[in-house]
C-alpha atoms as a PDB file:
ATOM      1  CA  UNK A   1     133.721 123.722 105.603  1.00  0.00           C
ATOM      2  CA  UNK A   2     134.184 119.897 105.427  1.00  0.00           C
ATOM      3  CA  UNK A   3     132.656 119.499 102.029  1.00  0.00           C
ATOM      4  CA  UNK A   4     135.668 119.209  99.639  1.00  0.00           C
ATOM      5  CA  UNK A   5     137.499 116.416 102.285  1.00  0.00           C
ATOM      6  CA  UNK A   6     134.044 114.514 101.811  1.00  0.00           C
ATOM      7  CA  UNK A   7     134.318 114.803  97.947  1.00  0.00           C
ATOM      8  CA  UNK A   8     137.934 113.704  98.138  1.00  0.00           C
ATOM      9  CA  UNK A   9     137.066 110.678 100.260  1.00  0.00           C
ATOM     10  CA  UNK A  10     134.015 109.846  98.797  1.00  0.00           C
ATOM     11  CA  UNK A  11     136.304 109.476  94.839  1.00  0.00           C
ATOM     12  CA  UNK A  12     139.193 107.810  96.902  1.00  0.00           C
ATOM     13  CA  UNK A  13     136.247 104.937  98.431  1.00  0.00           C
ATOM     14  CA  UNK A  14     134.074 104.605  95.606  1.00  0.00           C
ATOM     15  CA  UNK A  15     130.281 106.284  95.929  1.00  0.00           C
ATOM     16  CA  UNK A  16     128.668 102.973  97.103  1.00  0.00           C
ATOM     17  CA  UNK A  17     131.206 102.424  99.601  1.00  0.00           C
ATOM     18  CA  UNK A  18     131.294 105.885 100.912  1.00  0.00           C
ATOM     19  CA  UNK A  19     127.351 105.596 101.120  1.00  0.00           C
ATOM     20  CA  UNK A  20     127.475 102.619 103.129  1.00  0.00           C
ATOM     21  CA  UNK A  21     130.264 103.911 105.589  1.00  0.00           C
ATOM     22  CA  UNK A  22     128.889 107.129 105.994  1.00  0.00           C
ATOM     23  CA  UNK A  23     125.532 105.606 106.772  1.00  0.00           C
ATOM     24  CA  UNK A  24     127.266 103.486 109.310  1.00  0.00           C
ATOM     25  CA  UNK A  25     128.486 106.745 110.814  1.00  0.00           C
ATOM     26  CA  UNK A  26     125.113 108.083 110.882  1.00  0.00           C
ATOM     27  CA  UNK A  27     123.121 105.333 112.398  1.00  0.00           C
ATOM     28  CA  UNK A  28     126.054 104.970 115.211  1.00  0.00           C
ATOM     29  CA  UNK A  29     125.927 108.290 116.105  1.00  0.00           C
ATOM     30  CA  UNK A  30     122.153 108.522 116.316  1.00  0.00           C
ATOM     31  CA  UNK A  31     122.419 105.493 118.714  1.00  0.00           C
ATOM     32  CA  UNK A  32     124.986 107.466 120.748  1.00  0.00           C
ATOM     33  CA  UNK A  33     122.164 110.216 121.057  1.00  0.00           C
ATOM     34  CA  UNK A  34     119.584 107.495 121.708  1.00  0.00           C
ATOM     35  CA  UNK A  35     121.844 105.865 124.361  1.00  0.00           C
ATOM     36  CA  UNK A  36     122.578 109.498 126.008  1.00  0.00           C
ATOM     37  CA  UNK A  37     119.171 110.545 126.233  1.00  0.00           C
ATOM     38  CA  UNK A  38     118.464 107.157 127.944  1.00  0.00           C
ATOM     39  CA  UNK A  39     121.010 107.448 130.404  1.00  0.00           C
ATOM     40  CA  UNK A  40     119.598 111.158 131.496  1.00  0.00           C
ATOM     41  CA  UNK A  41     116.004 110.273 131.028  1.00  0.00           C
ATOM     42  CA  UNK A  42     115.666 112.855 128.195  1.00  0.00           C
ATOM     43  CA  UNK A  43     112.061 112.146 126.701  1.00  0.00           C
ATOM     44  CA  UNK A  44     111.361 111.008 123.037  1.00  0.00           C
ATOM     45  CA  UNK A  45     110.303 114.480 121.630  1.00  0.00           C
ATOM     46  CA  UNK A  46     113.880 116.113 122.609  1.00  0.00           C
ATOM     47  CA  UNK A  47     115.689 112.861 121.575  1.00  0.00           C
ATOM     48  CA  UNK A  48     114.072 113.583 117.880  1.00  0.00           C
ATOM     49  CA  UNK A  49     115.091 116.730 117.989  1.00  0.00           C
ATOM     50  CA  UNK A  50     118.887 116.564 119.072  1.00  0.00           C
ATOM     51  CA  UNK A  51     119.269 113.992 115.931  1.00  0.00           C
ATOM     52  CA  UNK A  52     117.388 116.416 113.722  1.00  0.00           C
ATOM     53  CA  UNK A  53     119.963 119.133 114.894  1.00  0.00           C
ATOM     54  CA  UNK A  54     123.025 116.731 114.163  1.00  0.00           C
ATOM     55  CA  UNK A  55     121.530 116.151 110.539  1.00  0.00           C
ATOM     56  CA  UNK A  56     121.004 119.811 109.936  1.00  0.00           C
ATOM     57  CA  UNK A  57     124.252 120.847 111.534  1.00  0.00           C
ATOM     58  CA  UNK A  58     126.258 118.206 109.352  1.00  0.00           C
ATOM     59  CA  UNK A  59     124.852 119.286 106.209  1.00  0.00           C
ATOM     60  CA  UNK A  60     125.592 123.060 107.383  1.00  0.00           C
ATOM     61  CA  UNK A  61     129.407 121.898 107.723  1.00  0.00           C
ATOM     62  CA  UNK A  62     129.348 120.051 104.330  1.00  0.00           C
ATOM     63  CA  UNK A  63     129.922 116.391 106.144  1.00  0.00           C
ATOM     64  CA  UNK A  64     126.572 115.259 103.870  1.00  0.00           C
ATOM     65  CA  UNK A  65     128.669 116.501 100.854  1.00  0.00           C
END
């Protein structure tokens, strides 16, 4: 779904810059999930599962192309 857009964006920025930006965004998303889980008292295992689910959804949608 988003793979063509990600490929164009990667070609525009260049592979190293794209990977750096993608890594920062993934880390920010994981921090947001961690904050949410801490805020609502969700246990560590569930938090890890949520982060894995976010990764799998990103792959399925083509965001990690």
